[in-house]
PDB file of N, CA and C in Angstrom:
ATOM      1  N   MET A   1       0.836  -1.180   0.000  1.00  0.00           N
ATOM      2  CA  MET A   1       0.000   0.000   0.000  1.00  0.00           C
ATOM      3  C   MET A   1       0.881   1.244   0.000  1.00  0.00           C
ATOM      4  N   ASP A   2       0.623   2.129  -0.948  1.00  0.00           N
ATOM      5  CA  ASP A   2       1.375   3.371  -1.023  1.00  0.00           C
ATOM      6  C   ASP A   2       0.869   4.350   0.022  1.00  0.00           C
ATOM      7  N   ARG A   3       1.783   5.064   0.610  1.00  0.00           N
ATOM      8  CA  ARG A   3       1.430   6.044   1.624  1.00  0.00           C
ATOM      9  C   ARG A   3       2.154   7.339   1.306  1.00  0.00           C
ATOM     10  N   GLU A   4       1.539   8.441   1.650  1.00  0.00           N
ATOM     11  CA  GLU A   4       2.164   9.737   1.438  1.00  0.00           C
ATOM     12  C   GLU A   4       2.376  10.421   2.789  1.00  0.00           C
ATOM     13  N   TYR A   5       3.438  11.204   2.843  1.00  0.00           N
ATOM     14  CA  TYR A   5       3.782  11.967   4.028  1.00  0.00           C
ATOM     15  C   TYR A   5       3.919  13.425   3.615  1.00  0.00           C
ATOM     16  N   TYR A   6       3.580  14.307   4.505  1.00  0.00           N
ATOM     17  CA  TYR A   6       3.494  15.724   4.175  1.00  0.00           C
ATOM     18  C   TYR A   6       4.321  16.564   5.130  1.00  0.00           C
ATOM     19  N   VAL A   7       5.055  17.507   4.564  1.00  0.00           N
ATOM     20  CA  VAL A   7       5.682  18.573   5.327  1.00  0.00           C
ATOM     21  C   VAL A   7       4.856  19.804   4.995  1.00  0.00           C
ATOM     22  N   TYR A   8       4.392  20.483   6.038  1.00  0.00           N
ATOM     23  CA  TYR A   8       3.465  21.585   5.801  1.00  0.00           C
ATOM     24  C   TYR A   8       3.852  22.801   6.630  1.00  0.00           C
ATOM     25  N   VAL A   9       3.411  23.957   6.134  1.00  0.00           N
ATOM     26  CA  VAL A   9       3.638  25.202   6.856  1.00  0.00           C
ATOM     27  C   VAL A   9       2.278  25.841   7.103  1.00  0.00           C
ATOM     28  N   LEU A  10       2.034  26.173   8.366  1.00  0.00           N
ATOM     29  CA  LEU A  10       0.822  26.881   8.762  1.00  0.00           C
ATOM     30  C   LEU A  10       1.197  28.310   9.128  1.00  0.00           C
ATOM     31  N   ALA A  11       0.246  29.223   8.946  1.00  0.00           N
ATOM     32  CA  ALA A  11       0.435  30.620   9.342  1.00  0.00           C
ATOM     33  C   ALA A  11      -0.853  31.134   9.953  1.00  0.00           C
ATOM     34  N   ASN A  12      -0.738  32.170  10.756  1.00  0.00           N
ATOM     35  CA  ASN A  12      -1.944  32.764  11.317  1.00  0.00           C
ATOM     36  C   ASN A  12      -2.457  33.912  10.458  1.00  0.00           C
ATOM     37  N   LYS A  13      -1.597  34.435   9.569  1.00  0.00           N
ATOM     38  CA  LYS A  13      -1.953  35.477   8.607  1.00  0.00           C
ATOM     39  C   LYS A  13      -0.798  35.602   7.623  1.00  0.00           C
ATOM     40  N   SER A  14      -0.957  36.406   6.579  1.00  0.00           N
ATOM     41  CA  SER A  14       0.119  36.613   5.614  1.00  0.00           C
ATOM     42  C   SER A  14       1.352  37.139   6.323  1.00  0.00           C
ATOM     43  N   ARG A  15       2.459  36.464   6.115  1.00  0.00           N
ATOM     44  CA  ARG A  15       3.750  36.828   6.716  1.00  0.00           C
ATOM     45  C   ARG A  15       3.692  36.875   8.237  1.00  0.00           C
ATOM     46  N   GLY A  16       2.771  36.116   8.803  1.00  0.00           N
ATOM     47  CA  GLY A  16       2.604  36.083  10.257  1.00  0.00           C
ATOM     48  C   GLY A  16       3.429  34.983  10.897  1.00  0.00           C
ATOM     49  N   THR A  17       2.928  34.487  12.009  1.00  0.00           N
ATOM     50  CA  THR A  17       3.595  33.424  12.751  1.00  0.00           C
ATOM     51  C   THR A  17       3.533  32.131  11.943  1.00  0.00           C
ATOM     52  N   LEU A  18       4.667  31.450  11.830  1.00  0.00           N
ATOM     53  CA  LEU A  18       4.766  30.233  11.010  1.00  0.00           C
ATOM     54  C   LEU A  18       5.008  29.006  11.872  1.00  0.00           C
ATOM     55  N   TYR A  19       4.452  27.889  11.404  1.00  0.00           N
ATOM     56  CA  TYR A  19       4.663  26.594  12.053  1.00  0.00           C
ATOM     57  C   TYR A  19       4.972  25.575  10.963  1.00  0.00           C
ATOM     58  N   ILE A  20       5.999  24.780  11.170  1.00  0.00           N
ATOM     59  CA  ILE A  20       6.376  23.729  10.224  1.00  0.00           C
ATOM     60  C   ILE A  20       6.143  22.385  10.891  1.00  0.00           C
ATOM     61  N   GLY A  21       5.439  21.484  10.187  1.00  0.00           N
ATOM     62  CA  GLY A  21       5.162  20.174  10.752  1.00  0.00           C
ATOM     63  C   GLY A  21       5.247  19.081   9.710  1.00  0.00           C
ATOM     64  N   VAL A  22       5.140  17.842  10.163  1.00  0.00           N
ATOM     65  CA  VAL A  22       5.143  16.675   9.286  1.00  0.00           C
ATOM     66  C   VAL A  22       4.039  15.737   9.753  1.00  0.00           C
ATOM     67  N   THR A  23       3.380  15.083   8.797  1.00  0.00           N
ATOM     68  CA  THR A  23       2.288  14.169   9.130  1.00  0.00           C
ATOM     69  C   THR A  23       2.090  13.152   8.019  1.00  0.00           C
ATOM     70  N   GLY A  24       1.456  12.061   8.377  1.00  0.00           N
ATOM     71  CA  GLY A  24       1.069  11.052   7.397  1.00  0.00           C
ATOM     72  C   GLY A  24      -0.402  11.177   7.005  1.00  0.00           C
ATOM     73  N   ASN A  25      -1.125  12.085   7.678  1.00  0.00           N
ATOM     74  CA  ASN A  25      -2.544  12.294   7.379  1.00  0.00           C
ATOM     75  C   ASN A  25      -2.828  13.787   7.444  1.00  0.00           C
ATOM     76  N   ILE A  26      -2.620  14.463   6.320  1.00  0.00           N
ATOM     77  CA  ILE A  26      -2.713  15.920   6.299  1.00  0.00           C
ATOM     78  C   ILE A  26      -4.130  16.413   6.600  1.00  0.00           C
ATOM     79  N   ALA A  27      -5.142  15.731   6.092  1.00  0.00           N
ATOM     80  CA  ALA A  27      -6.521  16.177   6.327  1.00  0.00           C
ATOM     81  C   ALA A  27      -6.856  16.141   7.820  1.00  0.00           C
ATOM     82  N   ARG A  28      -6.536  15.033   8.477  1.00  0.00           N
ATOM     83  CA  ARG A  28      -6.812  14.922   9.910  1.00  0.00           C
ATOM     84  C   ARG A  28      -6.015  15.948  10.715  1.00  0.00           C
ATOM     85  N   ARG A  29      -4.743  16.105  10.372  1.00  0.00           N
ATOM     86  CA  ARG A  29      -3.884  17.024  11.126  1.00  0.00           C
ATOM     87  C   ARG A  29      -4.361  18.467  10.991  1.00  0.00           C
ATOM     88  N   LEU A  30      -4.748  18.875   9.792  1.00  0.00           N
ATOM     89  CA  LEU A  30      -5.255  20.229   9.598  1.00  0.00           C
ATOM     90  C   LEU A  30      -6.559  20.431  10.362  1.00  0.00           C
ATOM     91  N   TRP A  31      -7.414  19.417  10.334  1.00  0.00           N
ATOM     92  CA  TRP A  31      -8.679  19.472  11.072  1.00  0.00           C
ATOM     93  C   TRP A  31      -8.393  19.710  12.555  1.00  0.00           C
ATOM     94  N   GLU A  32      -7.406  19.000  13.088  1.00  0.00           N
ATOM     95  CA  GLU A  32      -7.028  19.153  14.497  1.00  0.00           C
ATOM     96  C   GLU A  32      -6.502  20.560  14.789  1.00  0.00           C
ATOM     97  N   HIS A  33      -5.613  21.051  13.920  1.00  0.00           N
ATOM     98  CA  HIS A  33      -5.056  22.393  14.118  1.00  0.00           C
ATOM     99  C   HIS A  33      -6.158  23.453  14.047  1.00  0.00           C
ATOM    100  N   GLN A  34      -7.035  23.341  13.058  1.00  0.00           N
ATOM    101  CA  GLN A  34      -8.065  24.355  12.853  1.00  0.00           C
ATOM    102  C   GLN A  34      -9.089  24.400  13.977  1.00  0.00           C
ATOM    103  N   ARG A  35      -9.243  23.325  14.692  1.00  0.00           N
ATOM    104  CA  ARG A  35     -10.200  23.287  15.801  1.00  0.00           C
ATOM    105  C   ARG A  35      -9.541  23.477  17.163  1.00  0.00           C
ATOM    106  N   GLY A  36      -8.232  23.754  17.136  1.00  0.00           N
ATOM    107  CA  GLY A  36      -7.515  23.994  18.382  1.00  0.00           C
ATOM    108  C   GLY A  36      -7.349  22.759  19.237  1.00  0.00           C
ATOM    109  N   LEU A  37      -7.353  21.588  18.616  1.00  0.00           N
ATOM    110  CA  LEU A  37      -7.232  20.341  19.358  1.00  0.00           C
ATOM    111  C   LEU A  37      -5.784  19.968  19.657  1.00  0.00           C
ATOM    112  N   VAL A  38      -4.841  20.667  19.021  1.00  0.00           N
ATOM    113  CA  VAL A  38      -3.425  20.390  19.210  1.00  0.00           C
ATOM    114  C   VAL A  38      -2.879  21.442  20.170  1.00  0.00           C
ATOM    115  N   ASP A  39      -2.644  21.052  21.421  1.00  0.00           N
ATOM    116  CA  ASP A  39      -2.096  21.992  22.392  1.00  0.00           C
ATOM    117  C   ASP A  39      -0.685  22.387  21.989  1.00  0.00           C
ATOM    118  N   GLY A  40      -0.337  23.616  22.286  1.00  0.00           N
ATOM    119  CA  GLY A  40       1.016  24.072  22.022  1.00  0.00           C
ATOM    120  C   GLY A  40       1.050  25.276  21.102  1.00  0.00           C
ATOM    121  N   PHE A  41       2.077  25.312  20.287  1.00  0.00           N
ATOM    122  CA  PHE A  41       2.406  26.482  19.476  1.00  0.00           C
ATOM    123  C   PHE A  41       1.262  26.927  18.570  1.00  0.00           C
ATOM    124  N   THR A  42       0.719  26.009  17.773  1.00  0.00           N
ATOM    125  CA  THR A  42      -0.304  26.421  16.807  1.00  0.00           C
ATOM    126  C   THR A  42      -1.580  26.895  17.481  1.00  0.00           C
ATOM    127  N   LYS A  43      -1.912  26.315  18.602  1.00  0.00           N
ATOM    128  CA  LYS A  43      -3.097  26.757  19.345  1.00  0.00           C
ATOM    129  C   LYS A  43      -2.846  28.134  19.962  1.00  0.00           C
ATOM    130  N   LYS A  44      -1.683  28.313  20.545  1.00  0.00           N
ATOM    131  CA  LYS A  44      -1.336  29.582  21.189  1.00  0.00           C
ATOM    132  C   LYS A  44      -1.343  30.742  20.201  1.00  0.00           C
ATOM    133  N   TYR A  45      -0.767  30.523  19.007  1.00  0.00           N
ATOM    134  CA  TYR A  45      -0.629  31.594  18.025  1.00  0.00           C
ATOM    135  C   TYR A  45      -1.695  31.556  16.928  1.00  0.00           C
ATOM    136  N   ARG A  46      -2.631  30.622  17.060  1.00  0.00           N
ATOM    137  CA  ARG A  46      -3.731  30.472  16.091  1.00  0.00           C
ATOM    138  C   ARG A  46      -3.220  30.336  14.661  1.00  0.00           C
ATOM    139  N   SER A  47      -2.171  29.565  14.518  1.00  0.00           N
ATOM    140  CA  SER A  47      -1.605  29.289  13.195  1.00  0.00           C
ATOM    141  C   SER A  47      -2.344  28.092  12.616  1.00  0.00           C
ATOM    142  N   ASP A  48      -3.345  28.363  11.801  1.00  0.00           N
ATOM    143  CA  ASP A  48      -4.184  27.280  11.283  1.00  0.00           C
ATOM    144  C   ASP A  48      -4.446  27.374   9.784  1.00  0.00           C
ATOM    145  N   ARG A  49      -3.752  28.265   9.097  1.00  0.00           N
ATOM    146  CA  ARG A  49      -3.907  28.399   7.648  1.00  0.00           C
ATOM    147  C   ARG A  49      -2.791  27.640   6.948  1.00  0.00           C
ATOM    148  N   LEU A  50      -3.147  26.675   6.119  1.00  0.00           N
ATOM    149  CA  LEU A  50      -2.153  25.924   5.352  1.00  0.00           C
ATOM    150  C   LEU A  50      -1.678  26.811   4.206  1.00  0.00           C
ATOM    151  N   VAL A  51      -0.398  27.202   4.243  1.00  0.00           N
ATOM    152  CA  VAL A  51       0.130  28.093   3.211  1.00  0.00           C
ATOM    153  C   VAL A  51       1.178  27.424   2.330  1.00  0.00           C
ATOM    154  N   TYR A  52       1.655  26.238   2.736  1.00  0.00           N
ATOM    155  CA  TYR A  52       2.655  25.531   1.942  1.00  0.00           C
ATOM    156  C   TYR A  52       2.640  24.062   2.319  1.00  0.00           C
ATOM    157  N   CYS A  53       2.880  23.197   1.318  1.00  0.00           N
ATOM    158  CA  CYS A  53       2.890  21.765   1.585  1.00  0.00           C
ATOM    159  C   CYS A  53       3.742  21.039   0.548  1.00  0.00           C
ATOM    160  N   GLU A  54       4.492  20.052   1.002  1.00  0.00           N
ATOM    161  CA  GLU A  54       5.264  19.170   0.126  1.00  0.00           C
ATOM    162  C   GLU A  54       4.869  17.730   0.445  1.00  0.00           C
ATOM    163  N   VAL A  55       4.851  16.881  -0.582  1.00  0.00           N
ATOM    164  CA  VAL A  55       4.446  15.483  -0.433  1.00  0.00           C
ATOM    165  C   VAL A  55       5.660  14.580  -0.657  1.00  0.00           C
ATOM    166  N   PHE A  56       5.767  13.546   0.181  1.00  0.00           N
ATOM    167  CA  PHE A  56       6.879  12.598   0.106  1.00  0.00           C
ATOM    168  C   PHE A  56       6.351  11.167   0.137  1.00  0.00           C
ATOM    169  N   GLU A  57       7.083  10.267  -0.487  1.00  0.00           N
ATOM    170  CA  GLU A  57       6.717   8.851  -0.471  1.00  0.00           C
ATOM    171  C   GLU A  57       7.298   8.130   0.736  1.00  0.00           C
ATOM    172  N   ARG A  58       8.369   8.693   1.298  1.00  0.00           N
ATOM    173  CA  ARG A  58       9.028   8.045   2.427  1.00  0.00           C
ATOM    174  C   ARG A  58       8.995   8.954   3.656  1.00  0.00           C
ATOM    175  N   LEU A  59       8.663   8.368   4.793  1.00  0.00           N
ATOM    176  CA  LEU A  59       8.602   9.116   6.035  1.00  0.00           C
ATOM    177  C   LEU A  59       9.940   9.759   6.362  1.00  0.00           C
ATOM    178  N   GLN A  60      11.015   9.013   6.204  1.00  0.00           N
ATOM    179  CA  GLN A  60      12.337   9.542   6.535  1.00  0.00           C
ATOM    180  C   GLN A  60      12.670  10.781   5.712  1.00  0.00           C
ATOM    181  N   ALA A  61      12.287  10.794   4.449  1.00  0.00           N
ATOM    182  CA  ALA A  61      12.535  11.957   3.598  1.00  0.00           C
ATOM    183  C   ALA A  61      11.725  13.162   4.085  1.00  0.00           C
ATOM    184  N   ALA A  62      10.498  12.924   4.506  1.00  0.00           N
ATOM    185  CA  ALA A  62       9.656  14.009   5.019  1.00  0.00           C
ATOM    186  C   ALA A  62      10.236  14.581   6.306  1.00  0.00           C
ATOM    187  N   ILE A  63      10.664  13.709   7.192  1.00  0.00           N
ATOM    188  CA  ILE A  63      11.254  14.163   8.457  1.00  0.00           C
ATOM    189  C   ILE A  63      12.527  14.959   8.193  1.00  0.00           C
ATOM    190  N   GLN A  64      13.343  14.476   7.268  1.00  0.00           N
ATOM    191  CA  GLN A  64      14.584  15.172   6.925  1.00  0.00           C
ATOM    192  C   GLN A  64      14.284  16.571   6.377  1.00  0.00           C
ATOM    193  N   ARG A  65      13.267  16.675   5.515  1.00  0.00           N
ATOM    194  CA  ARG A  65      12.893  17.977   4.948  1.00  0.00           C
ATOM    195  C   ARG A  65      12.347  18.911   6.033  1.00  0.00           C
ATOM    196  N   GLU A  66      11.540  18.374   6.930  1.00  0.00           N
ATOM    197  CA  GLU A  66      11.019  19.193   8.027  1.00  0.00           C
ATOM    198  C   GLU A  66      12.173  19.769   8.848  1.00  0.00           C
ATOM    199  N   LYS A  67      13.138  18.942   9.199  1.00  0.00           N
ATOM    200  CA  LYS A  67      14.291  19.401   9.974  1.00  0.00           C
ATOM    201  C   LYS A  67      15.088  20.452   9.212  1.00  0.00           C
ATOM    202  N   GLN A  68      15.221  20.240   7.897  1.00  0.00           N
ATOM    203  CA  GLN A  68      15.935  21.199   7.064  1.00  0.00           C
ATOM    204  C   GLN A  68      15.233  22.560   7.088  1.00  0.00           C
ATOM    205  N   LEU A  69      13.916  22.559   6.871  1.00  0.00           N
ATOM    206  CA  LEU A  69      13.170  23.817   6.846  1.00  0.00           C
ATOM    207  C   LEU A  69      13.214  24.521   8.203  1.00  0.00           C
ATOM    208  N   LYS A  70      13.189  23.765   9.283  1.00  0.00           N
ATOM    209  CA  LYS A  70      13.228  24.365  10.619  1.00  0.00           C
ATOM    210  C   LYS A  70      14.558  25.056  10.905  1.00  0.00           C
ATOM    211  N   LYS A  71      15.593  24.702  10.151  1.00  0.00           N
ATOM    212  CA  LYS A  71      16.897  25.363  10.308  1.00  0.00           C
ATOM    213  C   LYS A  71      16.995  26.633   9.467  1.00  0.00           C
ATOM    214  N   TRP A  72      16.101  26.789   8.502  1.00  0.00           N
ATOM    215  CA  TRP A  72      16.132  27.966   7.636  1.00  0.00           C
ATOM    216  C   TRP A  72      15.744  29.202   8.421  1.00  0.00           C
ATOM    217  N   ASN A  73      16.216  30.359   7.945  1.00  0.00           N
ATOM    218  CA  ASN A  73      15.778  31.605   8.563  1.00  0.00           C
ATOM    219  C   ASN A  73      14.386  31.970   8.025  1.00  0.00           C
ATOM    220  N   ARG A  74      13.736  32.850   8.724  1.00  0.00           N
ATOM    221  CA  ARG A  74      12.358  33.226   8.407  1.00  0.00           C
ATOM    222  C   ARG A  74      12.199  33.746   6.976  1.00  0.00           C
ATOM    223  N   ILE A  75      13.124  34.561   6.526  1.00  0.00           N
ATOM    224  CA  ILE A  75      13.020  35.140   5.182  1.00  0.00           C
ATOM    225  C   ILE A  75      13.067  34.048   4.123  1.00  0.00           C
ATOM    226  N   SER A  76      13.901  33.046   4.300  1.00  0.00           N
ATOM    227  CA  SER A  76      13.988  31.945   3.337  1.00  0.00           C
ATOM    228  C   SER A  76      12.686  31.141   3.299  1.00  0.00           C
ATOM    229  N   ILE A  77      12.075  30.946   4.446  1.00  0.00           N
ATOM    230  CA  ILE A  77      10.802  30.211   4.484  1.00  0.00           C
ATOM    231  C   ILE A  77       9.705  31.027   3.805  1.00  0.00           C
ATOM    232  N   ILE A  78       9.687  32.331   4.047  1.00  0.00           N
ATOM    233  CA  ILE A  78       8.704  33.201   3.388  1.00  0.00           C
ATOM    234  C   ILE A  78       8.890  33.160   1.880  1.00  0.00           C
ATOM    235  N   ARG A  79      10.115  33.199   1.418  1.00  0.00           N
ATOM    236  CA  ARG A  79      10.378  33.109  -0.033  1.00  0.00           C
ATOM    237  C   ARG A  79       9.883  31.780  -0.602  1.00  0.00           C
ATOM    238  N   LEU A  80      10.098  30.698   0.139  1.00  0.00           N
ATOM    239  CA  LEU A  80       9.629  29.388  -0.302  1.00  0.00           C
ATOM    240  C   LEU A  80       8.101  29.399  -0.429  1.00  0.00           C
ATOM    241  N   ILE A  81       7.418  29.903   0.577  1.00  0.00           N
ATOM    242  CA  ILE A  81       5.955  29.972   0.543  1.00  0.00           C
ATOM    243  C   ILE A  81       5.503  30.810  -0.647  1.00  0.00           C
ATOM    244  N   GLU A  82       6.086  31.981  -0.797  1.00  0.00           N
ATOM    245  CA  GLU A  82       5.647  32.906  -1.845  1.00  0.00           C
ATOM    246  C   GLU A  82       6.015  32.445  -3.248  1.00  0.00           C
ATOM    247  N   SER A  83       6.939  31.490  -3.368  1.00  0.00           N
ATOM    248  CA  SER A  83       7.271  30.954  -4.693  1.00  0.00           C
ATOM    249  C   SER A  83       6.105  30.163  -5.288  1.00  0.00           C
ATOM    250  N   SER A  84       5.263  29.586  -4.426  1.00  0.00           N
ATOM    251  CA  SER A  84       4.117  28.823  -4.927  1.00  0.00           C
ATOM    252  C   SER A  84       2.777  29.396  -4.461  1.00  0.00           C
ATOM    253  N   ASN A  85       2.806  30.280  -3.484  1.00  0.00           N
ATOM    254  CA  ASN A  85       1.571  30.829  -2.925  1.00  0.00           C
ATOM    255  C   ASN A  85       1.786  32.307  -2.577  1.00  0.00           C
ATOM    256  N   PRO A  86       1.982  33.155  -3.599  1.00  0.00           N
ATOM    257  CA  PRO A  86       2.322  34.559  -3.331  1.00  0.00           C
ATOM    258  C   PRO A  86       1.238  35.341  -2.586  1.00  0.00           C
ATOM    259  N   GLU A  87       0.017  34.890  -2.659  1.00  0.00           N
ATOM    260  CA  GLU A  87      -1.082  35.595  -1.989  1.00  0.00           C
ATOM    261  C   GLU A  87      -1.370  35.037  -0.595  1.00  0.00           C
ATOM    262  N   TRP A  88      -0.615  34.038  -0.186  1.00  0.00           N
ATOM    263  CA  TRP A  88      -0.783  33.410   1.124  1.00  0.00           C
ATOM    264  C   TRP A  88      -2.206  32.884   1.308  1.00  0.00           C
ATOM    265  N   ARG A  89      -2.763  32.320   0.231  1.00  0.00           N
ATOM    266  CA  ARG A  89      -4.098  31.719   0.328  1.00  0.00           C
ATOM    267  C   ARG A  89      -4.052  30.518   1.254  1.00  0.00           C
ATOM    268  N   ASP A  90      -5.157  30.267   1.915  1.00  0.00           N
ATOM    269  CA  ASP A  90      -5.284  29.052   2.711  1.00  0.00           C
ATOM    270  C   ASP A  90      -5.539  27.919   1.732  1.00  0.00           C
ATOM    271  N   LEU A  91      -4.596  27.016   1.578  1.00  0.00           N
ATOM    272  CA  LEU A  91      -4.699  25.934   0.600  1.00  0.00           C
ATOM    273  C   LEU A  91      -5.704  24.868   1.004  1.00  0.00           C
ATOM    274  N   CYS A  92      -6.309  25.031   2.153  1.00  0.00           N
ATOM    275  CA  CYS A  92      -7.251  24.063   2.673  1.00  0.00           C
ATOM    276  C   CYS A  92      -8.689  24.597   2.670  1.00  0.00           C
ATOM    277  N   THR A  93      -8.936  25.715   2.044  1.00  0.00           N
ATOM    278  CA  THR A  93     -10.281  26.280   2.055  1.00  0.00           C
ATOM    279  C   THR A  93     -11.171  25.597   1.034  1.00  0.00           C
ATOM    280  N   ARG A  94     -12.459  25.759   1.180  1.00  0.00           N
ATOM    281  CA  ARG A  94     -13.399  25.192   0.218  1.00  0.00           C
ATOM    282  C   ARG A  94     -13.111  25.742  -1.166  1.00  0.00           C
ATOM    283  N   GLY A  95     -13.219  24.883  -2.157  1.00  0.00           N
ATOM    284  CA  GLY A  95     -12.997  25.306  -3.533  1.00  0.00           C
ATOM    285  C   GLY A  95     -11.563  25.115  -3.999  1.00  0.00           C
ATOM    286  N   THR A  96     -10.656  24.821  -3.086  1.00  0.00           N
ATOM    287  CA  THR A  96      -9.290  24.517  -3.485  1.00  0.00           C
ATOM    288  C   THR A  96      -9.017  23.057  -3.162  1.00  0.00           C
ATOM    289  N   HIS A  97      -8.070  22.501  -3.845  1.00  0.00           N
ATOM    290  CA  HIS A  97      -7.752  21.089  -3.658  1.00  0.00           C
ATOM    291  C   HIS A  97      -6.734  20.917  -2.546  1.00  0.00           C
ATOM    292  N   MET A  98      -6.936  19.886  -1.782  1.00  0.00           N
ATOM    293  CA  MET A  98      -5.947  19.524  -0.770  1.00  0.00           C
ATOM    294  C   MET A  98      -4.702  19.030  -1.486  1.00  0.00           C
ATOM    295  N   PRO A  99      -3.550  19.246  -0.895  1.00  0.00           N
ATOM    296  CA  PRO A  99      -2.308  18.749  -1.505  1.00  0.00           C
ATOM    297  C   PRO A  99      -2.307  17.239  -1.621  1.00  0.00           C
TER     298      PRO A  99
END
């Protein structure tokens, strides 16, 4: 059975507070973040807008990418987001496709 893993970036607004995470079930994880079910950083800063996402076939590759992005400075992460989502749209809203 093929499985996909996701590295994702959440924000509370355009160029706002950013959160980088990894998951094997992006729909469930976003649902949890958006409803404040995940205690910690995203709940505290209300970072629940999906602004960037990458898909991987291997968990180890996703984890490695997450660690890499977490070492980047803020400006580099913003540039990465804006390279594919210059308007900082919520990629999880109705009418748009989930990654």
